[in-house]
Amino acid sequence: MTQDPVCGMKIEEAQAFATVQHQGVTYHFCSAKCQQTFQANPAKYAKAPSAQKPR
């Protein structure tokens, strides 16, 4: 399970509406609106690389 970085909704990665790669990190989104919001200003929503959890 992961969290949409824009709205905070918890979603299953396989059920994500869309995914976006940003600075080597994959982000999952619940909707087109959240994906577009992220892509318009990724610095606002992207996690700092040191804050990423290893998988």
PDB file of N, CA and C in Angstrom:
ATOM      1  N   MET A   1       0.856  -1.179   0.000  1.00  0.00           N
ATOM      2  CA  MET A   1       0.000   0.000   0.000  1.00  0.00           C
ATOM      3  C   MET A   1       0.897   1.237   0.000  1.00  0.00           C
ATOM      4  N   THR A   2       0.437   2.253  -0.679  1.00  0.00           N
ATOM      5  CA  THR A   2       1.178   3.509  -0.784  1.00  0.00           C
ATOM      6  C   THR A   2       0.206   4.669  -0.582  1.00  0.00           C
ATOM      7  N   GLN A   3       0.733   5.854  -0.589  1.00  0.00           N
ATOM      8  CA  GLN A   3      -0.102   7.036  -0.352  1.00  0.00           C
ATOM      9  C   GLN A   3       0.049   8.021  -1.509  1.00  0.00           C
ATOM     10  N   ASP A   4      -1.071   8.507  -2.003  1.00  0.00           N
ATOM     11  CA  ASP A   4      -1.071   9.538  -3.039  1.00  0.00           C
ATOM     12  C   ASP A   4      -0.429  10.785  -2.412  1.00  0.00           C
ATOM     13  N   PRO A   5       0.641  11.326  -3.018  1.00  0.00           N
ATOM     14  CA  PRO A   5       1.331  12.462  -2.399  1.00  0.00           C
ATOM     15  C   PRO A   5       0.533  13.763  -2.419  1.00  0.00           C
ATOM     16  N   VAL A   6      -0.500  13.842  -3.230  1.00  0.00           N
ATOM     17  CA  VAL A   6      -1.268  15.082  -3.339  1.00  0.00           C
ATOM     18  C   VAL A   6      -2.409  15.096  -2.319  1.00  0.00           C
ATOM     19  N   CYS A   7      -3.258  14.081  -2.345  1.00  0.00           N
ATOM     20  CA  CYS A   7      -4.442  14.088  -1.476  1.00  0.00           C
ATOM     21  C   CYS A   7      -4.271  13.255  -0.213  1.00  0.00           C
ATOM     22  N   GLY A   8      -3.250  12.391  -0.191  1.00  0.00           N
ATOM     23  CA  GLY A   8      -2.998  11.580   0.988  1.00  0.00           C
ATOM     24  C   GLY A   8      -3.777  10.270   1.038  1.00  0.00           C
ATOM     25  N   MET A   9      -4.579   9.990   0.021  1.00  0.00           N
ATOM     26  CA  MET A   9      -5.360   8.755   0.011  1.00  0.00           C
ATOM     27  C   MET A   9      -4.432   7.546  -0.060  1.00  0.00           C
ATOM     28  N   LYS A  10      -4.726   6.526   0.727  1.00  0.00           N
ATOM     29  CA  LYS A  10      -3.961   5.286   0.669  1.00  0.00           C
ATOM     30  C   LYS A  10      -4.535   4.433  -0.457  1.00  0.00           C
ATOM     31  N   ILE A  11      -3.636   3.941  -1.312  1.00  0.00           N
ATOM     32  CA  ILE A  11      -4.056   3.135  -2.457  1.00  0.00           C
ATOM     33  C   ILE A  11      -3.103   1.957  -2.645  1.00  0.00           C
ATOM     34  N   GLU A  12      -3.624   0.889  -3.225  1.00  0.00           N
ATOM     35  CA  GLU A  12      -2.781  -0.233  -3.606  1.00  0.00           C
ATOM     36  C   GLU A  12      -2.014   0.182  -4.860  1.00  0.00           C
ATOM     37  N   GLU A  13      -0.734  -0.084  -4.886  1.00  0.00           N
ATOM     38  CA  GLU A  13       0.083   0.327  -6.026  1.00  0.00           C
ATOM     39  C   GLU A  13      -0.472  -0.223  -7.333  1.00  0.00           C
ATOM     40  N   ALA A  14      -0.921  -1.468  -7.325  1.00  0.00           N
ATOM     41  CA  ALA A  14      -1.450  -2.090  -8.542  1.00  0.00           C
ATOM     42  C   ALA A  14      -2.776  -1.467  -8.983  1.00  0.00           C
ATOM     43  N   GLN A  15      -3.467  -0.783  -8.079  1.00  0.00           N
ATOM     44  CA  GLN A  15      -4.755  -0.172  -8.385  1.00  0.00           C
ATOM     45  C   GLN A  15      -4.655   1.327  -8.657  1.00  0.00           C
ATOM     46  N   ALA A  16      -3.451   1.862  -8.660  1.00  0.00           N
ATOM     47  CA  ALA A  16      -3.268   3.297  -8.867  1.00  0.00           C
ATOM     48  C   ALA A  16      -3.778   3.724 -10.236  1.00  0.00           C
ATOM     49  N   PHE A  17      -4.403   4.876 -10.293  1.00  0.00           N
ATOM     50  CA  PHE A  17      -4.873   5.435 -11.562  1.00  0.00           C
ATOM     51  C   PHE A  17      -3.681   5.696 -12.486  1.00  0.00           C
ATOM     52  N   ALA A  18      -2.606   6.238 -11.914  1.00  0.00           N
ATOM     53  CA  ALA A  18      -1.424   6.582 -12.707  1.00  0.00           C
ATOM     54  C   ALA A  18      -0.192   6.555 -11.816  1.00  0.00           C
ATOM     55  N   THR A  19       0.958   6.446 -12.457  1.00  0.00           N
ATOM     56  CA  THR A  19       2.231   6.552 -11.752  1.00  0.00           C
ATOM     57  C   THR A  19       3.103   7.555 -12.493  1.00  0.00           C
ATOM     58  N   VAL A  20       3.961   8.217 -11.744  1.00  0.00           N
ATOM     59  CA  VAL A  20       4.883   9.199 -12.320  1.00  0.00           C
ATOM     60  C   VAL A  20       6.249   8.982 -11.680  1.00  0.00           C
ATOM     61  N   GLN A  21       7.288   9.009 -12.499  1.00  0.00           N
ATOM     62  CA  GLN A  21       8.662   8.964 -12.005  1.00  0.00           C
ATOM     63  C   GLN A  21       9.145  10.399 -11.829  1.00  0.00           C
ATOM     64  N   HIS A  22       9.720  10.679 -10.667  1.00  0.00           N
ATOM     65  CA  HIS A  22      10.285  12.012 -10.417  1.00  0.00           C
ATOM     66  C   HIS A  22      11.547  11.827  -9.601  1.00  0.00           C
ATOM     67  N   GLN A  23      12.659  12.248 -10.138  1.00  0.00           N
ATOM     68  CA  GLN A  23      13.966  12.145  -9.485  1.00  0.00           C
ATOM     69  C   GLN A  23      14.224  10.724  -8.981  1.00  0.00           C
ATOM     70  N   GLY A  24      13.898   9.743  -9.820  1.00  0.00           N
ATOM     71  CA  GLY A  24      14.179   8.347  -9.493  1.00  0.00           C
ATOM     72  C   GLY A  24      13.196   7.688  -8.549  1.00  0.00           C
ATOM     73  N   VAL A  25      12.135   8.375  -8.194  1.00  0.00           N
ATOM     74  CA  VAL A  25      11.125   7.831  -7.276  1.00  0.00           C
ATOM     75  C   VAL A  25       9.809   7.694  -8.039  1.00  0.00           C
ATOM     76  N   THR A  26       9.110   6.578  -7.819  1.00  0.00           N
ATOM     77  CA  THR A  26       7.813   6.368  -8.445  1.00  0.00           C
ATOM     78  C   THR A  26       6.722   6.820  -7.483  1.00  0.00           C
ATOM     79  N   TYR A  27       5.841   7.668  -7.973  1.00  0.00           N
ATOM     80  CA  TYR A  27       4.699   8.152  -7.196  1.00  0.00           C
ATOM     81  C   TYR A  27       3.433   7.582  -7.808  1.00  0.00           C
ATOM     82  N   HIS A  28       2.487   7.199  -6.957  1.00  0.00           N
ATOM     83  CA  HIS A  28       1.226   6.608  -7.388  1.00  0.00           C
ATOM     84  C   HIS A  28       0.084   7.568  -7.063  1.00  0.00           C
ATOM     85  N   PHE A  29      -0.900   7.620  -7.967  1.00  0.00           N
ATOM     86  CA  PHE A  29      -1.987   8.582  -7.822  1.00  0.00           C
ATOM     87  C   PHE A  29      -3.346   7.909  -7.915  1.00  0.00           C
ATOM     88  N   CYS A  30      -4.302   8.443  -7.171  1.00  0.00           N
ATOM     89  CA  CYS A  30      -5.655   7.891  -7.137  1.00  0.00           C
ATOM     90  C   CYS A  30      -6.507   8.402  -8.293  1.00  0.00           C
ATOM     91  N   SER A  31      -6.116   9.524  -8.898  1.00  0.00           N
ATOM     92  CA  SER A  31      -6.944  10.123  -9.949  1.00  0.00           C
ATOM     93  C   SER A  31      -6.097  10.968 -10.893  1.00  0.00           C
ATOM     94  N   ALA A  32      -6.705  11.309 -12.035  1.00  0.00           N
ATOM     95  CA  ALA A  32      -6.042  12.187 -13.001  1.00  0.00           C
ATOM     96  C   ALA A  32      -5.791  13.560 -12.389  1.00  0.00           C
ATOM     97  N   LYS A  33      -6.724  14.034 -11.577  1.00  0.00           N
ATOM     98  CA  LYS A  33      -6.565  15.356 -10.963  1.00  0.00           C
ATOM     99  C   LYS A  33      -5.323  15.403 -10.071  1.00  0.00           C
ATOM    100  N   CYS A  34      -5.131  14.366  -9.251  1.00  0.00           N
ATOM    101  CA  CYS A  34      -3.950  14.339  -8.378  1.00  0.00           C
ATOM    102  C   CYS A  34      -2.669  14.220  -9.192  1.00  0.00           C
ATOM    103  N   GLN A  35      -2.693  13.407 -10.239  1.00  0.00           N
ATOM    104  CA  GLN A  35      -1.525  13.277 -11.103  1.00  0.00           C
ATOM    105  C   GLN A  35      -1.180  14.623 -11.732  1.00  0.00           C
ATOM    106  N   GLN A  36      -2.156  15.321 -12.261  1.00  0.00           N
ATOM    107  CA  GLN A  36      -1.924  16.614 -12.912  1.00  0.00           C
ATOM    108  C   GLN A  36      -1.443  17.661 -11.921  1.00  0.00           C
ATOM    109  N   THR A  37      -1.998  17.643 -10.719  1.00  0.00           N
ATOM    110  CA  THR A  37      -1.574  18.588  -9.682  1.00  0.00           C
ATOM    111  C   THR A  37      -0.109  18.365  -9.340  1.00  0.00           C
ATOM    112  N   PHE A  38       0.282  17.102  -9.180  1.00  0.00           N
ATOM    113  CA  PHE A  38       1.670  16.767  -8.890  1.00  0.00           C
ATOM    114  C   PHE A  38       2.587  17.226 -10.023  1.00  0.00           C
ATOM    115  N   GLN A  39       2.212  16.915 -11.254  1.00  0.00           N
ATOM    116  CA  GLN A  39       3.069  17.254 -12.390  1.00  0.00           C
ATOM    117  C   GLN A  39       3.197  18.760 -12.602  1.00  0.00           C
ATOM    118  N   ALA A  40       2.224  19.525 -12.164  1.00  0.00           N
ATOM    119  CA  ALA A  40       2.297  20.978 -12.279  1.00  0.00           C
ATOM    120  C   ALA A  40       3.304  21.571 -11.299  1.00  0.00           C
ATOM    121  N   ASN A  41       3.539  20.897 -10.164  1.00  0.00           N
ATOM    122  CA  ASN A  41       4.455  21.412  -9.149  1.00  0.00           C
ATOM    123  C   ASN A  41       5.016  20.252  -8.326  1.00  0.00           C
ATOM    124  N   PRO A  42       5.847  19.398  -8.924  1.00  0.00           N
ATOM    125  CA  PRO A  42       6.328  18.220  -8.200  1.00  0.00           C
ATOM    126  C   PRO A  42       7.145  18.547  -6.948  1.00  0.00           C
ATOM    127  N   ALA A  43       7.848  19.657  -6.936  1.00  0.00           N
ATOM    128  CA  ALA A  43       8.655  20.010  -5.766  1.00  0.00           C
ATOM    129  C   ALA A  43       7.786  20.192  -4.522  1.00  0.00           C
ATOM    130  N   LYS A  44       6.550  20.594  -4.711  1.00  0.00           N
ATOM    131  CA  LYS A  44       5.643  20.803  -3.582  1.00  0.00           C
ATOM    132  C   LYS A  44       5.224  19.476  -2.939  1.00  0.00           C
ATOM    133  N   TYR A  45       5.135  18.415  -3.730  1.00  0.00           N
ATOM    134  CA  TYR A  45       4.585  17.146  -3.249  1.00  0.00           C
ATOM    135  C   TYR A  45       5.601  16.018  -3.125  1.00  0.00           C
ATOM    136  N   ALA A  46       6.732  16.127  -3.800  1.00  0.00           N
ATOM    137  CA  ALA A  46       7.735  15.060  -3.776  1.00  0.00           C
ATOM    138  C   ALA A  46       8.405  14.980  -2.412  1.00  0.00           C
ATOM    139  N   LYS A  47       8.691  13.763  -2.012  1.00  0.00           N
ATOM    140  CA  LYS A  47       9.411  13.551  -0.759  1.00  0.00           C
ATOM    141  C   LYS A  47      10.891  13.778  -0.995  1.00  0.00           C
ATOM    142  N   ALA A  48      11.568  14.242   0.022  1.00  0.00           N
ATOM    143  CA  ALA A  48      13.021  14.387  -0.064  1.00  0.00           C
ATOM    144  C   ALA A  48      13.618  12.996  -0.217  1.00  0.00           C
ATOM    145  N   PRO A  49      14.659  12.831  -1.025  1.00  0.00           N
ATOM    146  CA  PRO A  49      15.234  11.494  -1.234  1.00  0.00           C
ATOM    147  C   PRO A  49      15.583  10.770   0.056  1.00  0.00           C
ATOM    148  N   SER A  50      16.047  11.467   1.070  1.00  0.00           N
ATOM    149  CA  SER A  50      16.405  10.823   2.329  1.00  0.00           C
ATOM    150  C   SER A  50      15.183  10.353   3.111  1.00  0.00           C
ATOM    151  N   ALA A  51      14.005  10.851   2.760  1.00  0.00           N
ATOM    152  CA  ALA A  51      12.781  10.460   3.456  1.00  0.00           C
ATOM    153  C   ALA A  51      12.151   9.210   2.849  1.00  0.00           C
ATOM    154  N   GLN A  52      12.669   8.744   1.725  1.00  0.00           N
ATOM    155  CA  GLN A  52      12.106   7.580   1.063  1.00  0.00           C
ATOM    156  C   GLN A  52      12.402   6.313   1.859  1.00  0.00           C
ATOM    157  N   LYS A  53      11.429   5.433   1.897  1.00  0.00           N
ATOM    158  CA  LYS A  53      11.593   4.145   2.550  1.00  0.00           C
ATOM    159  C   LYS A  53      12.145   3.158   1.532  1.00  0.00           C
ATOM    160  N   PRO A  54      13.110   2.352   1.920  1.00  0.00           N
ATOM    161  CA  PRO A  54      13.604   1.338   0.980  1.00  0.00           C
ATOM    162  C   PRO A  54      12.551   0.280   0.738  1.00  0.00           C
ATOM    163  N   ARG A  55      12.566  -0.282  -0.455  1.00  0.00           N
ATOM    164  CA  ARG A  55      11.585  -1.332  -0.796  1.00  0.00           C
ATOM    165  C   ARG A  55      12.283  -2.630  -0.999  1.00  0.00           C
TER     166      ARG A  55
END
